[in-house]
Amino acid sequence: MDKASARRKGSGGNTVALDTHALGTLQYIRASIEAAGVLAVPGSAGVAMGAVGLLAALLAADPRLAPHWFDIWLAAGVAAFVFGTALMVHQAVTTGAPLYRGPARKFLLCLSPSLFAGAVITFALWHHHAVDMIPGMWLLLYGCSVAAASTMTVRPVGVMGALFVALGIAALVLSPRYSNLFLGAGFGGLHLAFGIIIGRSRRERAGREH
């Protein structure tokens, strides 16, 4: 083999190596950008909110407290919101993630419109004595807000949102006597189940990285 052929061969090998290295670098950069654009929702938030939901469902199922189901679920909603927010803020502070920009800000912007609409419609239905429609509306709009916000977090959150929507539709279509059951299944069961799933997947991912 002459010197020119050797140079061509060596040059080709270097080109392949450089191309491979550049491709690997680009894939790493893309993965880093995607990871930076995802909000890590703690599984503990879902577990805490689910526990509050199950407690509310049990209380509202008591015949002595059943007439106060609306007040019970309103209080549960406030408590779940406080617990969930506190746990998400705690995780953000612990990991050093920004609270008011990036994925967190986009997550909040996606979540808020449907929740605000739900609050307004709740007042309107209560004012017009149509409270039987409220449980289905809560589940439906909460599911829509979670599904919209799932674009900024992990896939299971989107699945949970879709299931909330399905429960909301069922609650609106079926008899109001099942309303507390649907509320418990959604705000209690779905939150609890997906909180466990998300927490487990995060631990598995952390284990693989280490």
N, C-alpha and C. Protein backbone atom coordinates (compact mmCIF):
# COMPACT_ATOMS: atom_id res chain seq x y z
N MET A 1 0.85 -1.19 0.00
CA MET A 1 0.00 0.00 0.00
C MET A 1 0.89 1.24 0.00
N ASP A 2 0.64 2.20 -0.95
CA ASP A 2 1.47 3.40 -1.00
C ASP A 2 1.06 4.39 0.08
N LYS A 3 1.86 5.45 0.22
CA LYS A 3 1.62 6.42 1.29
C LYS A 3 0.31 7.17 1.09
N ALA A 4 -0.07 7.46 -0.17
CA ALA A 4 -1.32 8.19 -0.45
C ALA A 4 -2.52 7.37 0.00
N SER A 5 -2.48 6.04 -0.29
CA SER A 5 -3.59 5.18 0.12
C SER A 5 -3.69 5.10 1.63
N ALA A 6 -2.54 5.06 2.28
CA ALA A 6 -2.53 4.99 3.74
C ALA A 6 -3.13 6.26 4.34
N ARG A 7 -2.75 7.42 3.72
CA ARG A 7 -3.31 8.67 4.24
C ARG A 7 -4.83 8.72 4.09
N ARG A 8 -5.30 8.25 2.90
CA ARG A 8 -6.74 8.24 2.67
C ARG A 8 -7.44 7.33 3.66
N LYS A 9 -6.86 6.18 3.93
CA LYS A 9 -7.46 5.24 4.87
C LYS A 9 -7.49 5.83 6.27
N GLY A 10 -6.34 6.44 6.66
CA GLY A 10 -6.29 7.04 7.98
C GLY A 10 -7.25 8.19 8.11
N SER A 11 -7.37 9.00 7.07
CA SER A 11 -8.29 10.14 7.10
C SER A 11 -9.72 9.67 7.21
N GLY A 12 -10.07 8.61 6.50
CA GLY A 12 -11.43 8.08 6.57
C GLY A 12 -11.76 7.56 7.95
N GLY A 13 -10.79 6.89 8.60
CA GLY A 13 -11.03 6.39 9.94
C GLY A 13 -11.25 7.51 10.93
N ASN A 14 -10.45 8.59 10.78
CA ASN A 14 -10.63 9.73 11.68
C ASN A 14 -11.98 10.39 11.48
N THR A 15 -12.42 10.43 10.19
CA THR A 15 -13.72 11.05 9.91
C THR A 15 -14.85 10.28 10.57
N VAL A 16 -14.77 8.93 10.46
CA VAL A 16 -15.80 8.10 11.09
C VAL A 16 -15.81 8.30 12.60
N ALA A 17 -14.60 8.37 13.20
CA ALA A 17 -14.51 8.56 14.64
C ALA A 17 -15.08 9.91 15.05
N LEU A 18 -14.73 10.95 14.26
CA LEU A 18 -15.25 12.27 14.57
C LEU A 18 -16.77 12.33 14.41
N ASP A 19 -17.27 11.69 13.34
CA ASP A 19 -18.72 11.68 13.14
C ASP A 19 -19.43 10.98 14.29
N THR A 20 -18.88 9.85 14.72
CA THR A 20 -19.48 9.11 15.82
C THR A 20 -19.48 9.93 17.11
N HIS A 21 -18.35 10.60 17.35
CA HIS A 21 -18.24 11.42 18.56
C HIS A 21 -19.22 12.59 18.51
N ALA A 22 -19.32 13.22 17.33
CA ALA A 22 -20.24 14.36 17.19
C ALA A 22 -21.68 13.92 17.38
N LEU A 23 -22.04 12.75 16.81
CA LEU A 23 -23.40 12.24 16.97
C LEU A 23 -23.71 11.96 18.43
N GLY A 24 -22.76 11.35 19.13
CA GLY A 24 -22.96 11.08 20.55
C GLY A 24 -23.12 12.36 21.35
N THR A 25 -22.33 13.37 21.00
CA THR A 25 -22.42 14.66 21.70
C THR A 25 -23.77 15.31 21.46
N LEU A 26 -24.26 15.28 20.22
CA LEU A 26 -25.56 15.86 19.91
C LEU A 26 -26.69 15.14 20.64
N GLN A 27 -26.60 13.81 20.71
CA GLN A 27 -27.62 13.05 21.44
C GLN A 27 -27.60 13.40 22.92
N TYR A 28 -26.41 13.61 23.47
CA TYR A 28 -26.31 13.98 24.88
C TYR A 28 -26.92 15.36 25.12
N ILE A 29 -26.61 16.30 24.21
CA ILE A 29 -27.15 17.66 24.35
C ILE A 29 -28.67 17.63 24.24
N ARG A 30 -29.20 16.87 23.27
CA ARG A 30 -30.64 16.80 23.10
C ARG A 30 -31.31 16.19 24.33
N ALA A 31 -30.72 15.13 24.87
CA ALA A 31 -31.28 14.51 26.08
C ALA A 31 -31.26 15.47 27.26
N SER A 32 -30.18 16.26 27.36
CA SER A 32 -30.07 17.23 28.45
C SER A 32 -31.13 18.31 28.33
N ILE A 33 -31.37 18.78 27.09
CA ILE A 33 -32.39 19.81 26.86
C ILE A 33 -33.78 19.27 27.19
N GLU A 34 -34.05 18.03 26.77
CA GLU A 34 -35.35 17.43 27.06
C GLU A 34 -35.54 17.25 28.56
N ALA A 35 -34.50 16.82 29.25
CA ALA A 35 -34.61 16.63 30.70
C ALA A 35 -34.82 17.96 31.41
N ALA A 36 -34.16 19.02 30.91
CA ALA A 36 -34.32 20.34 31.52
C ALA A 36 -35.71 20.90 31.32
N GLY A 37 -36.41 20.42 30.28
CA GLY A 37 -37.74 20.93 29.99
C GLY A 37 -38.85 20.13 30.63
N VAL A 38 -38.50 19.19 31.50
CA VAL A 38 -39.49 18.34 32.16
C VAL A 38 -39.52 18.66 33.65
N LEU A 39 -40.71 18.86 34.17
CA LEU A 39 -40.87 19.11 35.60
C LEU A 39 -41.00 17.78 36.33
N ALA A 40 -40.16 17.56 37.31
CA ALA A 40 -40.21 16.32 38.09
C ALA A 40 -41.28 16.44 39.17
N VAL A 41 -42.40 15.76 38.96
CA VAL A 41 -43.49 15.77 39.94
C VAL A 41 -43.22 14.67 40.97
N PRO A 42 -43.14 15.01 42.25
CA PRO A 42 -42.85 13.98 43.26
C PRO A 42 -44.02 13.03 43.45
N GLY A 43 -43.72 11.75 43.53
CA GLY A 43 -44.77 10.77 43.77
C GLY A 43 -45.43 10.97 45.11
N SER A 44 -44.68 11.53 46.07
CA SER A 44 -45.24 11.76 47.40
C SER A 44 -46.40 12.74 47.36
N ALA A 45 -46.38 13.67 46.40
CA ALA A 45 -47.49 14.62 46.28
C ALA A 45 -48.78 13.90 45.91
N GLY A 46 -48.68 12.97 44.96
CA GLY A 46 -49.85 12.19 44.57
C GLY A 46 -50.35 11.32 45.70
N VAL A 47 -49.43 10.72 46.45
CA VAL A 47 -49.83 9.86 47.58
C VAL A 47 -50.55 10.69 48.64
N ALA A 48 -50.01 11.87 48.96
CA ALA A 48 -50.64 12.72 49.97
C ALA A 48 -52.02 13.19 49.53
N MET A 49 -52.13 13.61 48.26
CA MET A 49 -53.42 14.07 47.75
C MET A 49 -54.42 12.92 47.69
N GLY A 50 -53.94 11.73 47.34
CA GLY A 50 -54.81 10.57 47.31
C GLY A 50 -55.32 10.20 48.69
N ALA A 51 -54.45 10.30 49.69
CA ALA A 51 -54.87 10.00 51.06
C ALA A 51 -55.96 10.96 51.52
N VAL A 52 -55.81 12.24 51.17
CA VAL A 52 -56.83 13.23 51.52
C VAL A 52 -58.14 12.90 50.81
N GLY A 53 -58.06 12.52 49.55
CA GLY A 53 -59.26 12.18 48.78
C GLY A 53 -59.99 10.97 49.34
N LEU A 54 -59.24 9.95 49.72
CA LEU A 54 -59.87 8.76 50.29
C LEU A 54 -60.53 9.07 51.62
N LEU A 55 -59.88 9.91 52.43
CA LEU A 55 -60.47 10.30 53.71
C LEU A 55 -61.77 11.07 53.49
N ALA A 56 -61.77 11.97 52.51
CA ALA A 56 -62.99 12.73 52.22
C ALA A 56 -64.11 11.82 51.76
N ALA A 57 -63.77 10.83 50.92
CA ALA A 57 -64.79 9.90 50.43
C ALA A 57 -65.38 9.09 51.58
N LEU A 58 -64.54 8.66 52.52
CA LEU A 58 -65.04 7.90 53.67
C LEU A 58 -65.93 8.76 54.55
N LEU A 59 -65.54 10.00 54.77
CA LEU A 59 -66.35 10.89 55.60
C LEU A 59 -67.70 11.18 54.94
N ALA A 60 -67.66 11.46 53.63
CA ALA A 60 -68.90 11.79 52.92
C ALA A 60 -69.81 10.58 52.78
N ALA A 61 -69.26 9.38 52.89
CA ALA A 61 -70.09 8.17 52.81
C ALA A 61 -70.82 7.88 54.11
N ASP A 62 -70.42 8.51 55.20
CA ASP A 62 -71.10 8.33 56.48
C ASP A 62 -72.49 8.98 56.39
N PRO A 63 -73.54 8.22 56.66
CA PRO A 63 -74.90 8.78 56.54
C PRO A 63 -75.11 10.05 57.35
N ARG A 64 -74.41 10.16 58.48
CA ARG A 64 -74.58 11.36 59.31
C ARG A 64 -73.92 12.58 58.67
N LEU A 65 -72.88 12.36 57.86
CA LEU A 65 -72.16 13.46 57.24
C LEU A 65 -72.50 13.66 55.77
N ALA A 66 -73.23 12.71 55.20
CA ALA A 66 -73.55 12.77 53.77
C ALA A 66 -74.20 14.09 53.34
N PRO A 67 -75.09 14.70 54.15
CA PRO A 67 -75.66 15.98 53.73
C PRO A 67 -74.63 17.10 53.59
N HIS A 68 -73.44 16.89 54.19
CA HIS A 68 -72.40 17.92 54.14
C HIS A 68 -71.28 17.54 53.15
N TRP A 69 -71.60 16.69 52.18
CA TRP A 69 -70.56 16.19 51.26
C TRP A 69 -69.87 17.34 50.53
N PHE A 70 -70.62 18.36 50.16
CA PHE A 70 -70.04 19.47 49.41
C PHE A 70 -68.96 20.18 50.24
N ASP A 71 -69.27 20.45 51.49
CA ASP A 71 -68.30 21.11 52.38
C ASP A 71 -67.08 20.22 52.62
N ILE A 72 -67.34 18.92 52.77
CA ILE A 72 -66.23 17.99 53.01
C ILE A 72 -65.27 17.98 51.83
N TRP A 73 -65.82 17.91 50.62
CA TRP A 73 -64.96 17.84 49.45
C TRP A 73 -64.28 19.17 49.15
N LEU A 74 -64.93 20.27 49.47
CA LEU A 74 -64.26 21.57 49.31
C LEU A 74 -63.05 21.66 50.24
N ALA A 75 -63.24 21.26 51.50
CA ALA A 75 -62.13 21.27 52.46
C ALA A 75 -61.02 20.33 52.02
N ALA A 76 -61.41 19.16 51.50
CA ALA A 76 -60.42 18.19 51.02
C ALA A 76 -59.64 18.76 49.84
N GLY A 77 -60.33 19.47 48.96
CA GLY A 77 -59.65 20.07 47.81
C GLY A 77 -58.60 21.08 48.23
N VAL A 78 -58.95 21.91 49.21
CA VAL A 78 -57.99 22.89 49.71
C VAL A 78 -56.80 22.20 50.37
N ALA A 79 -57.08 21.20 51.20
CA ALA A 79 -56.01 20.48 51.89
C ALA A 79 -55.09 19.77 50.90
N ALA A 80 -55.68 19.11 49.90
CA ALA A 80 -54.87 18.40 48.90
C ALA A 80 -54.00 19.38 48.12
N PHE A 81 -54.56 20.53 47.78
CA PHE A 81 -53.79 21.54 47.05
C PHE A 81 -52.60 22.02 47.87
N VAL A 82 -52.84 22.25 49.16
CA VAL A 82 -51.76 22.73 50.04
C VAL A 82 -50.67 21.67 50.17
N PHE A 83 -51.06 20.41 50.41
CA PHE A 83 -50.07 19.34 50.56
C PHE A 83 -49.28 19.13 49.27
N GLY A 84 -50.00 19.05 48.15
CA GLY A 84 -49.33 18.82 46.87
C GLY A 84 -48.37 19.94 46.52
N THR A 85 -48.80 21.18 46.71
CA THR A 85 -47.93 22.32 46.41
C THR A 85 -46.71 22.34 47.31
N ALA A 86 -46.92 22.08 48.61
CA ALA A 86 -45.81 22.10 49.55
C ALA A 86 -44.77 21.04 49.19
N LEU A 87 -45.21 19.85 48.80
CA LEU A 87 -44.27 18.79 48.45
C LEU A 87 -43.52 19.09 47.15
N MET A 88 -44.21 19.71 46.18
CA MET A 88 -43.54 20.08 44.94
C MET A 88 -42.51 21.19 45.18
N VAL A 89 -42.87 22.16 46.01
CA VAL A 89 -41.93 23.24 46.33
C VAL A 89 -40.73 22.68 47.10
N HIS A 90 -40.99 21.76 48.03
CA HIS A 90 -39.90 21.14 48.80
C HIS A 90 -38.92 20.42 47.87
N GLN A 91 -39.45 19.68 46.90
CA GLN A 91 -38.57 18.97 45.97
C GLN A 91 -37.77 19.95 45.12
N ALA A 92 -38.43 21.02 44.65
CA ALA A 92 -37.74 22.01 43.83
C ALA A 92 -36.60 22.66 44.62
N VAL A 93 -36.86 22.99 45.88
CA VAL A 93 -35.82 23.61 46.71
C VAL A 93 -34.68 22.63 46.96
N THR A 94 -35.04 21.35 47.20
CA THR A 94 -34.03 20.34 47.47
C THR A 94 -33.13 20.09 46.28
N THR A 95 -33.71 20.06 45.08
CA THR A 95 -32.94 19.78 43.86
C THR A 95 -32.35 21.04 43.23
N GLY A 96 -32.73 22.21 43.74
CA GLY A 96 -32.21 23.45 43.18
C GLY A 96 -32.90 23.87 41.90
N ALA A 97 -34.07 23.31 41.61
CA ALA A 97 -34.80 23.68 40.39
C ALA A 97 -35.47 25.04 40.58
N PRO A 98 -35.56 25.84 39.51
CA PRO A 98 -36.21 27.15 39.62
C PRO A 98 -37.71 27.01 39.84
N LEU A 99 -38.27 27.88 40.69
CA LEU A 99 -39.69 27.81 41.04
C LEU A 99 -40.56 28.67 40.13
N TYR A 100 -40.00 29.73 39.57
CA TYR A 100 -40.85 30.70 38.87
C TYR A 100 -40.51 30.84 37.39
N ARG A 101 -39.76 29.92 36.85
CA ARG A 101 -39.46 29.97 35.43
C ARG A 101 -39.22 28.55 34.92
N GLY A 102 -39.10 28.42 33.62
CA GLY A 102 -38.84 27.12 33.04
C GLY A 102 -40.05 26.21 33.11
N PRO A 103 -39.84 24.90 33.29
CA PRO A 103 -40.94 23.92 33.31
C PRO A 103 -41.98 24.20 34.38
N ALA A 104 -41.56 24.67 35.56
CA ALA A 104 -42.52 24.92 36.64
C ALA A 104 -43.53 25.99 36.24
N ARG A 105 -43.04 27.05 35.62
CA ARG A 105 -43.92 28.13 35.20
C ARG A 105 -44.89 27.64 34.12
N LYS A 106 -44.39 26.89 33.15
CA LYS A 106 -45.24 26.37 32.08
C LYS A 106 -46.26 25.38 32.62
N PHE A 107 -45.84 24.55 33.58
CA PHE A 107 -46.75 23.60 34.21
C PHE A 107 -47.91 24.33 34.87
N LEU A 108 -47.60 25.40 35.59
CA LEU A 108 -48.63 26.17 36.28
C LEU A 108 -49.56 26.86 35.28
N LEU A 109 -49.00 27.38 34.20
CA LEU A 109 -49.82 28.04 33.18
C LEU A 109 -50.76 27.05 32.49
N CYS A 110 -50.32 25.82 32.31
CA CYS A 110 -51.18 24.80 31.70
C CYS A 110 -52.27 24.34 32.67
N LEU A 111 -51.92 24.30 33.94
CA LEU A 111 -52.84 23.76 34.96
C LEU A 111 -53.93 24.76 35.35
N SER A 112 -53.58 26.03 35.38
CA SER A 112 -54.46 27.04 35.99
C SER A 112 -55.78 27.32 35.27
N PRO A 113 -55.82 27.45 33.93
CA PRO A 113 -57.09 27.86 33.30
C PRO A 113 -58.27 26.95 33.61
N SER A 114 -58.08 25.64 33.52
CA SER A 114 -59.18 24.72 33.79
C SER A 114 -59.58 24.74 35.26
N LEU A 115 -58.59 24.91 36.15
CA LEU A 115 -58.91 24.98 37.58
C LEU A 115 -59.69 26.25 37.89
N PHE A 116 -59.31 27.35 37.27
CA PHE A 116 -60.06 28.60 37.46
C PHE A 116 -61.48 28.45 36.93
N ALA A 117 -61.62 27.84 35.75
CA ALA A 117 -62.95 27.61 35.18
C ALA A 117 -63.78 26.74 36.11
N GLY A 118 -63.15 25.73 36.71
CA GLY A 118 -63.86 24.86 37.64
C GLY A 118 -64.37 25.62 38.85
N ALA A 119 -63.57 26.54 39.38
CA ALA A 119 -64.00 27.33 40.53
C ALA A 119 -65.19 28.21 40.18
N VAL A 120 -65.15 28.84 39.01
CA VAL A 120 -66.24 29.71 38.58
C VAL A 120 -67.53 28.91 38.37
N ILE A 121 -67.42 27.77 37.68
CA ILE A 121 -68.60 26.95 37.39
C ILE A 121 -69.16 26.35 38.68
N THR A 122 -68.27 26.00 39.62
CA THR A 122 -68.74 25.49 40.91
C THR A 122 -69.64 26.51 41.59
N PHE A 123 -69.21 27.76 41.63
CA PHE A 123 -70.03 28.80 42.26
C PHE A 123 -71.37 28.96 41.52
N ALA A 124 -71.30 28.91 40.18
CA ALA A 124 -72.53 29.09 39.39
C ALA A 124 -73.51 27.95 39.64
N LEU A 125 -73.02 26.72 39.67
CA LEU A 125 -73.91 25.58 39.90
C LEU A 125 -74.47 25.60 41.31
N TRP A 126 -73.64 25.96 42.28
CA TRP A 126 -74.12 26.06 43.66
C TRP A 126 -75.17 27.16 43.78
N HIS A 127 -74.93 28.28 43.13
CA HIS A 127 -75.86 29.40 43.19
C HIS A 127 -77.22 29.04 42.59
N HIS A 128 -77.20 28.21 41.55
CA HIS A 128 -78.45 27.82 40.88
C HIS A 128 -78.98 26.48 41.37
N HIS A 129 -78.47 26.02 42.50
CA HIS A 129 -78.96 24.79 43.14
C HIS A 129 -78.85 23.57 42.22
N ALA A 130 -77.74 23.49 41.49
CA ALA A 130 -77.49 22.34 40.61
C ALA A 130 -76.23 21.61 41.08
N VAL A 131 -76.14 21.37 42.39
CA VAL A 131 -74.92 20.79 42.95
C VAL A 131 -74.68 19.36 42.49
N ASP A 132 -75.71 18.68 42.01
CA ASP A 132 -75.53 17.30 41.53
C ASP A 132 -74.57 17.24 40.34
N MET A 133 -74.40 18.35 39.63
CA MET A 133 -73.52 18.38 38.47
C MET A 133 -72.06 18.66 38.86
N ILE A 134 -71.85 19.08 40.09
CA ILE A 134 -70.51 19.54 40.48
C ILE A 134 -69.47 18.41 40.50
N PRO A 135 -69.74 17.23 41.08
CA PRO A 135 -68.70 16.19 41.10
C PRO A 135 -68.17 15.83 39.71
N GLY A 136 -69.08 15.61 38.75
CA GLY A 136 -68.63 15.28 37.40
C GLY A 136 -67.84 16.41 36.78
N MET A 137 -68.27 17.65 37.01
CA MET A 137 -67.57 18.79 36.47
C MET A 137 -66.17 18.91 37.08
N TRP A 138 -66.06 18.68 38.40
CA TRP A 138 -64.75 18.73 39.05
C TRP A 138 -63.80 17.71 38.42
N LEU A 139 -64.26 16.49 38.29
CA LEU A 139 -63.41 15.43 37.73
C LEU A 139 -63.01 15.73 36.29
N LEU A 140 -63.98 16.20 35.50
CA LEU A 140 -63.73 16.46 34.09
C LEU A 140 -62.71 17.59 33.90
N LEU A 141 -62.93 18.73 34.57
CA LEU A 141 -62.03 19.86 34.38
C LEU A 141 -60.67 19.63 35.02
N TYR A 142 -60.64 18.92 36.15
CA TYR A 142 -59.35 18.59 36.74
C TYR A 142 -58.56 17.68 35.80
N GLY A 143 -59.25 16.70 35.20
CA GLY A 143 -58.58 15.83 34.24
C GLY A 143 -58.04 16.61 33.06
N CYS A 144 -58.81 17.59 32.57
CA CYS A 144 -58.34 18.41 31.45
C CYS A 144 -57.11 19.22 31.84
N SER A 145 -57.12 19.77 33.06
CA SER A 145 -55.98 20.58 33.49
C SER A 145 -54.73 19.71 33.65
N VAL A 146 -54.89 18.52 34.22
CA VAL A 146 -53.75 17.62 34.41
C VAL A 146 -53.22 17.14 33.06
N ALA A 147 -54.12 16.81 32.14
CA ALA A 147 -53.69 16.36 30.81
C ALA A 147 -52.91 17.46 30.09
N ALA A 148 -53.38 18.71 30.22
CA ALA A 148 -52.67 19.82 29.58
C ALA A 148 -51.30 20.03 30.21
N ALA A 149 -51.23 19.97 31.54
CA ALA A 149 -49.97 20.18 32.24
C ALA A 149 -49.00 19.02 32.07
N SER A 150 -49.49 17.86 31.64
CA SER A 150 -48.62 16.69 31.49
C SER A 150 -47.59 16.87 30.39
N THR A 151 -47.79 17.85 29.51
CA THR A 151 -46.79 18.11 28.47
C THR A 151 -45.47 18.56 29.07
N MET A 152 -45.50 19.03 30.33
CA MET A 152 -44.29 19.50 30.99
C MET A 152 -43.75 18.51 32.02
N THR A 153 -44.31 17.30 32.06
CA THR A 153 -43.85 16.35 33.05
C THR A 153 -43.88 14.94 32.45
N VAL A 154 -43.95 13.93 33.29
CA VAL A 154 -43.81 12.55 32.81
C VAL A 154 -45.12 12.02 32.24
N ARG A 155 -45.03 11.00 31.41
CA ARG A 155 -46.18 10.45 30.70
C ARG A 155 -47.29 9.94 31.60
N PRO A 156 -46.99 9.26 32.72
CA PRO A 156 -48.09 8.78 33.58
C PRO A 156 -49.04 9.88 34.03
N VAL A 157 -48.56 11.11 34.15
CA VAL A 157 -49.44 12.21 34.55
C VAL A 157 -50.52 12.44 33.49
N GLY A 158 -50.14 12.34 32.22
CA GLY A 158 -51.12 12.48 31.15
C GLY A 158 -52.15 11.36 31.16
N VAL A 159 -51.69 10.14 31.45
CA VAL A 159 -52.62 9.01 31.55
C VAL A 159 -53.60 9.23 32.69
N MET A 160 -53.09 9.73 33.81
CA MET A 160 -53.97 10.01 34.94
C MET A 160 -55.00 11.07 34.57
N GLY A 161 -54.58 12.09 33.86
CA GLY A 161 -55.52 13.12 33.42
C GLY A 161 -56.63 12.56 32.56
N ALA A 162 -56.28 11.67 31.63
CA ALA A 162 -57.28 11.05 30.77
C ALA A 162 -58.28 10.22 31.57
N LEU A 163 -57.80 9.53 32.58
CA LEU A 163 -58.69 8.72 33.42
C LEU A 163 -59.62 9.61 34.25
N PHE A 164 -59.12 10.75 34.70
CA PHE A 164 -59.99 11.70 35.40
C PHE A 164 -61.10 12.18 34.47
N VAL A 165 -60.76 12.47 33.23
CA VAL A 165 -61.76 12.90 32.25
C VAL A 165 -62.84 11.83 32.08
N ALA A 166 -62.41 10.57 31.97
CA ALA A 166 -63.36 9.46 31.81
C ALA A 166 -64.28 9.35 33.02
N LEU A 167 -63.71 9.49 34.22
CA LEU A 167 -64.54 9.44 35.43
C LEU A 167 -65.52 10.61 35.47
N GLY A 168 -65.07 11.78 35.04
CA GLY A 168 -65.95 12.94 35.03
C GLY A 168 -67.13 12.76 34.10
N ILE A 169 -66.88 12.21 32.93
CA ILE A 169 -67.97 11.96 31.98
C ILE A 169 -68.96 10.96 32.56
N ALA A 170 -68.42 9.90 33.17
CA ALA A 170 -69.29 8.88 33.77
C ALA A 170 -70.13 9.48 34.89
N ALA A 171 -69.52 10.34 35.71
CA ALA A 171 -70.25 10.94 36.82
C ALA A 171 -71.35 11.88 36.33
N LEU A 172 -71.12 12.54 35.20
CA LEU A 172 -72.14 13.44 34.65
C LEU A 172 -73.30 12.67 34.01
N VAL A 173 -72.99 11.48 33.50
CA VAL A 173 -74.00 10.70 32.78
C VAL A 173 -74.83 9.85 33.73
N LEU A 174 -74.17 9.26 34.74
CA LEU A 174 -74.85 8.32 35.62
C LEU A 174 -75.55 9.04 36.77
N SER A 175 -76.22 8.28 37.59
CA SER A 175 -77.02 8.83 38.68
C SER A 175 -76.15 9.56 39.70
N PRO A 176 -76.64 10.67 40.26
CA PRO A 176 -75.88 11.41 41.28
C PRO A 176 -75.59 10.59 42.53
N ARG A 177 -76.29 9.49 42.74
CA ARG A 177 -76.04 8.69 43.94
C ARG A 177 -74.63 8.08 43.93
N TYR A 178 -73.99 8.03 42.74
CA TYR A 178 -72.64 7.48 42.65
C TYR A 178 -71.57 8.56 42.71
N SER A 179 -71.96 9.80 42.93
CA SER A 179 -71.01 10.91 42.85
C SER A 179 -69.85 10.76 43.82
N ASN A 180 -70.16 10.40 45.08
CA ASN A 180 -69.08 10.27 46.07
C ASN A 180 -68.14 9.14 45.70
N LEU A 181 -68.68 8.08 45.12
CA LEU A 181 -67.84 6.97 44.67
C LEU A 181 -66.88 7.42 43.58
N PHE A 182 -67.38 8.18 42.62
CA PHE A 182 -66.52 8.67 41.55
C PHE A 182 -65.46 9.64 42.08
N LEU A 183 -65.86 10.52 42.99
CA LEU A 183 -64.90 11.45 43.57
C LEU A 183 -63.80 10.71 44.32
N GLY A 184 -64.19 9.71 45.09
CA GLY A 184 -63.20 8.92 45.81
C GLY A 184 -62.27 8.15 44.89
N ALA A 185 -62.85 7.59 43.81
CA ALA A 185 -62.03 6.84 42.86
C ALA A 185 -61.03 7.75 42.16
N GLY A 186 -61.46 8.99 41.87
CA GLY A 186 -60.57 9.91 41.17
C GLY A 186 -59.57 10.58 42.08
N PHE A 187 -60.07 11.46 42.95
CA PHE A 187 -59.19 12.25 43.80
C PHE A 187 -58.50 11.42 44.87
N GLY A 188 -59.07 10.26 45.18
CA GLY A 188 -58.42 9.37 46.11
C GLY A 188 -57.60 8.30 45.40
N GLY A 189 -58.31 7.41 44.69
CA GLY A 189 -57.65 6.25 44.09
C GLY A 189 -56.63 6.58 43.02
N LEU A 190 -57.00 7.42 42.05
CA LEU A 190 -56.06 7.73 40.96
C LEU A 190 -54.84 8.48 41.47
N HIS A 191 -55.05 9.45 42.34
CA HIS A 191 -53.90 10.17 42.90
C HIS A 191 -52.96 9.22 43.62
N LEU A 192 -53.52 8.35 44.44
CA LEU A 192 -52.71 7.42 45.22
C LEU A 192 -51.95 6.46 44.31
N ALA A 193 -52.66 5.84 43.36
CA ALA A 193 -52.04 4.85 42.48
C ALA A 193 -50.93 5.47 41.64
N PHE A 194 -51.20 6.62 41.02
CA PHE A 194 -50.20 7.22 40.15
C PHE A 194 -49.07 7.86 40.96
N GLY A 195 -49.36 8.28 42.19
CA GLY A 195 -48.28 8.74 43.04
C GLY A 195 -47.28 7.63 43.32
N ILE A 196 -47.79 6.43 43.58
CA ILE A 196 -46.91 5.27 43.81
C ILE A 196 -46.15 4.92 42.54
N ILE A 197 -46.83 4.93 41.39
CA ILE A 197 -46.19 4.60 40.12
C ILE A 197 -45.08 5.59 39.79
N ILE A 198 -45.37 6.88 39.93
CA ILE A 198 -44.37 7.91 39.61
C ILE A 198 -43.19 7.84 40.58
N GLY A 199 -43.48 7.65 41.86
CA GLY A 199 -42.40 7.54 42.83
C GLY A 199 -41.50 6.34 42.56
N ARG A 200 -42.10 5.20 42.20
CA ARG A 200 -41.31 4.00 41.91
C ARG A 200 -40.45 4.18 40.67
N SER A 201 -41.03 4.79 39.62
CA SER A 201 -40.26 4.99 38.38
C SER A 201 -39.10 5.95 38.60
N ARG A 202 -39.28 6.96 39.45
CA ARG A 202 -38.20 7.88 39.75
C ARG A 202 -37.07 7.17 40.50
N ARG A 203 -37.43 6.31 41.44
CA ARG A 203 -36.40 5.58 42.18
C ARG A 203 -35.64 4.64 41.27
N GLU A 204 -36.35 3.97 40.36
CA GLU A 204 -35.69 3.07 39.42
C GLU A 204 -34.75 3.83 38.50
N ARG A 205 -35.19 4.99 38.02
CA ARG A 205 -34.36 5.80 37.14
C ARG A 205 -33.12 6.30 37.87
N ALA A 206 -33.30 6.72 39.13
CA ALA A 206 -32.17 7.18 39.92
C ALA A 206 -31.18 6.05 40.15
N GLY A 207 -31.70 4.82 40.36
CA GLY A 207 -30.83 3.67 40.56
C GLY A 207 -30.01 3.35 39.31
N ARG A 208 -30.62 3.48 38.13
CA ARG A 208 -29.88 3.21 36.90
C ARG A 208 -28.79 4.26 36.66
N GLU A 209 -29.08 5.52 37.01
CA GLU A 209 -28.10 6.58 36.80
C GLU A 209 -26.88 6.42 37.71
N HIS A 210 -27.11 5.80 38.90
CA HIS A 210 -25.99 5.60 39.81
C HIS A 210 -25.33 4.23 39.59
